[in-house]
């Protein structure tokens, strides 16, 4: 999905998906949770975030002494980088919970859409090629996949993420399909279609 060198940007998208984060916290998470080496280059992370700003995936905010936020000036950015370089590569992880330099990042709507597209692509790569349609008007889930085994995995994955749903007895059907089309337009030759009806507390069976 992305070229080598862009992987860091997608790791940062993933880290920001749960909410805004300071530069120091992002740096620490890359080392502690994402497999990047201790002494990771601060400039490398800064450049990645700058590219993400240019792509309109993130916005940067500078925290002032009174706790308010504003768009960082060029002068503040130029001061932030050497301050982070002097601090972060040798800092203990517990020191990174408070970012005294004060640069914060937040996902934009475009960044969240890119993150979701990346997650969807990873799921397809993990499970194989498949599609899922939730027809809420008829309370029907339809999965098309290359094999029944893949369709079963996707069904269980969907049930885990929709824990209030209860599948209806004797509503399951399986049939072969000659082709089906993925969300990116790729046409897959041969597969199966797995359909099930369900109910929720708000939508009893009909």
Protein backbone atom coordinates (compact mmCIF):
# COMPACT_ATOMS: atom_id res chain seq x y z
CA UNK A 1 0.00 0.00 0.00
CA UNK A 2 2.86 2.38 0.69
CA UNK A 3 6.49 2.74 -0.36
CA UNK A 4 9.40 1.88 1.93
CA UNK A 5 10.11 4.90 4.12
CA UNK A 6 6.43 5.69 4.52
CA UNK A 7 5.95 2.90 7.05
CA UNK A 8 6.85 5.24 9.91
CA UNK A 9 4.02 7.57 8.90
CA UNK A 10 1.52 4.71 9.12
CA UNK A 11 2.85 3.68 12.54
CA UNK A 12 2.29 7.27 13.67
CA UNK A 13 -1.24 7.22 12.23
CA UNK A 14 -1.94 4.11 14.27
CA UNK A 15 -0.57 5.68 17.45
CA UNK A 16 -2.70 8.80 16.93
CA UNK A 17 -5.91 6.88 16.19
CA UNK A 18 -6.89 6.84 19.88
CA UNK A 19 -6.43 10.58 20.36
CA UNK A 20 -3.96 13.49 20.31
CA UNK A 21 -0.45 12.84 21.55
CA UNK A 22 2.71 14.80 22.31
CA UNK A 23 5.84 14.37 20.22
CA UNK A 24 7.64 12.84 23.22
CA UNK A 25 4.89 10.26 23.79
CA UNK A 26 4.87 9.32 20.10
CA UNK A 27 8.64 8.92 20.10
CA UNK A 28 8.52 6.71 23.19
CA UNK A 29 5.71 4.56 21.79
CA UNK A 30 7.63 3.94 18.56
CA UNK A 31 10.53 2.54 20.57
CA UNK A 32 8.58 0.78 23.29
CA UNK A 33 5.68 -0.69 21.33
CA UNK A 34 6.51 -0.59 17.60
CA UNK A 35 9.97 -2.18 17.50
CA UNK A 36 12.02 0.89 16.63
CA UNK A 37 15.53 0.99 18.15
CA UNK A 38 16.55 2.98 21.20
CA UNK A 39 18.23 6.15 19.97
CA UNK A 40 15.73 6.44 17.10
CA UNK A 41 16.53 9.58 15.15
CA UNK A 42 14.42 12.51 16.35
CA UNK A 43 14.80 14.21 12.97
CA UNK A 44 13.43 11.09 11.23
CA UNK A 45 10.26 11.21 13.34
CA UNK A 46 9.95 14.97 12.95
CA UNK A 47 10.28 14.73 9.16
CA UNK A 48 7.65 11.97 9.03
CA UNK A 49 5.18 14.12 10.99
CA UNK A 50 5.94 17.12 8.79
CA UNK A 51 5.14 15.06 5.69
CA UNK A 52 1.91 13.95 7.37
CA UNK A 53 1.02 17.61 7.96
CA UNK A 54 1.64 18.34 4.28
CA UNK A 55 -0.64 15.44 3.39
CA UNK A 56 -3.22 16.96 5.76
CA UNK A 57 -3.29 13.79 7.85
CA UNK A 58 -2.36 15.53 11.11
CA UNK A 59 -2.38 18.99 12.67
CA UNK A 60 0.36 20.27 14.98
CA UNK A 61 -0.29 22.39 18.07
CA UNK A 62 2.17 24.08 20.41
CA UNK A 63 1.36 24.18 24.10
CA UNK A 64 2.01 27.56 25.73
CA UNK A 65 3.10 28.07 29.33
CA UNK A 66 -0.51 28.71 30.38
CA UNK A 67 -1.67 25.38 28.93
CA UNK A 68 -3.35 26.86 25.86
CA UNK A 69 -2.59 25.63 22.34
CA UNK A 70 -1.73 27.47 19.13
CA UNK A 71 -0.31 26.68 15.70
CA UNK A 72 3.48 26.47 16.11
CA UNK A 73 5.49 29.24 14.50
CA UNK A 74 8.54 28.56 12.35
CA UNK A 75 10.70 29.87 15.19
CA UNK A 76 9.07 27.48 17.68
CA UNK A 77 9.55 24.53 15.33
CA UNK A 78 13.22 25.44 14.90
CA UNK A 79 13.62 25.57 18.68
CA UNK A 80 11.69 22.35 19.30
CA UNK A 81 13.85 20.08 17.15
CA UNK A 82 17.20 20.59 18.95
CA UNK A 83 15.41 20.45 22.31
CA UNK A 84 13.94 17.04 21.45
CA UNK A 85 17.26 15.82 20.03
CA UNK A 86 19.03 16.67 23.27
CA UNK A 87 16.37 15.00 25.42
CA UNK A 88 14.61 12.04 23.82
CA UNK A 89 17.29 9.54 22.65
CA UNK A 90 18.61 9.10 26.20
CA UNK A 91 15.42 9.67 28.20
CA UNK A 92 13.82 6.97 30.34
CA UNK A 93 10.31 5.99 29.24
CA UNK A 94 8.70 7.35 32.40
CA UNK A 95 10.12 10.79 31.58
CA UNK A 96 8.12 10.98 28.36
CA UNK A 97 4.71 11.21 30.02
CA UNK A 98 5.23 14.99 30.37
CA UNK A 99 6.38 16.82 27.24
CA UNK A 100 7.86 20.10 28.44
CA UNK A 101 8.79 21.11 24.89
CA UNK A 102 5.07 21.05 24.17
CA UNK A 103 4.52 19.94 20.57
CA UNK A 104 1.32 17.92 20.08
CA UNK A 105 -0.28 16.18 17.10
CA UNK A 106 -3.86 15.19 16.26
CA UNK A 107 -5.40 13.23 13.37
CA UNK A 108 -7.52 15.11 10.84
CA UNK A 109 -10.55 13.56 9.15
CA UNK A 110 -8.29 12.78 6.17
CA UNK A 111 -5.76 11.12 8.44
CA UNK A 112 -8.40 8.96 10.11
CA UNK A 113 -9.73 7.90 6.70
CA UNK A 114 -6.21 6.94 5.62
CA UNK A 115 -5.69 5.01 8.87
CA UNK A 116 -8.94 3.10 8.38
CA UNK A 117 -8.03 2.26 4.79
CA UNK A 118 -4.69 0.94 6.01
CA UNK A 119 -6.37 -1.19 8.71
CA UNK A 120 -8.83 -2.59 6.16
CA UNK A 121 -5.93 -3.49 3.85
CA UNK A 122 -4.07 -5.23 6.68
CA UNK A 123 -7.17 -7.24 7.58
CA UNK A 124 -7.59 -8.36 3.97
CA UNK A 125 -3.91 -9.30 3.80
CA UNK A 126 -4.24 -11.30 7.02
CA UNK A 127 -7.45 -13.18 6.26
CA UNK A 128 -7.39 -13.35 2.47
CA UNK A 129 -9.63 -11.60 -0.02
CA UNK A 130 -13.20 -11.02 1.14
CA UNK A 131 -16.08 -8.57 1.34
CA UNK A 132 -18.62 -7.99 4.10
CA UNK A 133 -22.03 -6.33 3.80
CA UNK A 134 -24.28 -5.65 6.78
CA UNK A 135 -27.83 -5.17 5.47
CA UNK A 136 -29.38 -3.47 8.48
CA UNK A 137 -32.81 -3.16 6.84
CA UNK A 138 -33.13 -6.96 6.81
CA UNK A 139 -30.66 -7.75 9.63
CA UNK A 140 -28.54 -9.83 7.27
CA UNK A 141 -24.78 -10.23 7.15
CA UNK A 142 -23.34 -11.31 3.77
CA UNK A 143 -19.70 -12.37 3.41
CA UNK A 144 -18.07 -13.23 0.11
CA UNK A 145 -14.65 -14.87 0.24
CA UNK A 146 -12.33 -17.11 -1.69
CA UNK A 147 -12.99 -20.07 0.64
CA UNK A 148 -15.53 -21.07 3.26
CA UNK A 149 -12.73 -21.16 5.86
CA UNK A 150 -11.95 -17.47 5.23
CA UNK A 151 -15.65 -16.57 5.38
CA UNK A 152 -16.01 -18.35 8.74
CA UNK A 153 -13.04 -16.43 10.17
CA UNK A 154 -14.51 -13.11 8.99
CA UNK A 155 -17.91 -14.00 10.46
CA UNK A 156 -16.36 -14.73 13.86
CA UNK A 157 -14.33 -11.51 13.65
CA UNK A 158 -17.52 -9.55 12.90
CA UNK A 159 -19.37 -11.18 15.80
CA UNK A 160 -16.56 -10.25 18.21
CA UNK A 161 -16.88 -6.61 17.13
CA UNK A 162 -20.69 -6.74 17.32
CA UNK A 163 -21.17 -8.51 20.62
CA UNK A 164 -24.85 -7.56 21.03
CA UNK A 165 -25.74 -9.42 17.84
CA UNK A 166 -27.29 -12.89 18.00
CA UNK A 167 -27.42 -15.06 14.89
CA UNK A 168 -30.82 -16.57 14.16
CA UNK A 169 -31.17 -20.33 14.05
CA UNK A 170 -31.57 -21.90 10.59
CA UNK A 171 -30.83 -18.59 8.85
CA UNK A 172 -27.43 -19.57 7.51
CA UNK A 173 -26.92 -20.17 3.79
CA UNK A 174 -23.84 -20.94 1.69
CA UNK A 175 -23.63 -20.78 -2.08
CA UNK A 176 -20.84 -20.61 -4.68
CA UNK A 177 -20.23 -17.40 -6.65
CA UNK A 178 -18.42 -17.15 -9.97
CA UNK A 179 -16.86 -13.76 -9.14
CA UNK A 180 -16.99 -11.05 -6.49
CA UNK A 181 -15.50 -7.55 -6.33
CA UNK A 182 -13.35 -6.12 -3.54
CA UNK A 183 -13.69 -2.53 -2.30
CA UNK A 184 -10.70 -1.45 -4.40
CA UNK A 185 -12.35 -2.78 -7.57
CA UNK A 186 -10.36 -6.02 -7.80
CA UNK A 187 -12.45 -8.85 -9.25
CA UNK A 188 -11.87 -12.23 -7.60
CA UNK A 189 -12.66 -15.32 -9.65
CA UNK A 190 -14.65 -18.00 -7.86
CA UNK A 191 -15.58 -17.99 -4.21
CA UNK A 192 -18.47 -18.53 -1.83
CA UNK A 193 -21.18 -16.39 -0.31
CA UNK A 194 -22.07 -16.91 3.34
CA UNK A 195 -25.30 -15.28 4.55
CA UNK A 196 -26.77 -15.16 8.05
CA UNK A 197 -29.64 -13.28 9.64
CA UNK A 198 -29.31 -11.80 13.09
CA UNK A 199 -31.16 -9.89 15.75
CA UNK A 200 -30.19 -7.25 18.32
CA UNK A 201 -32.03 -6.05 21.43
CA UNK A 202 -33.25 -3.07 19.40
CA UNK A 203 -34.11 -5.13 16.31
CA UNK A 204 -35.91 -8.39 17.22
CA UNK A 205 -36.25 -11.08 14.60
CA UNK A 206 -38.95 -10.60 12.02
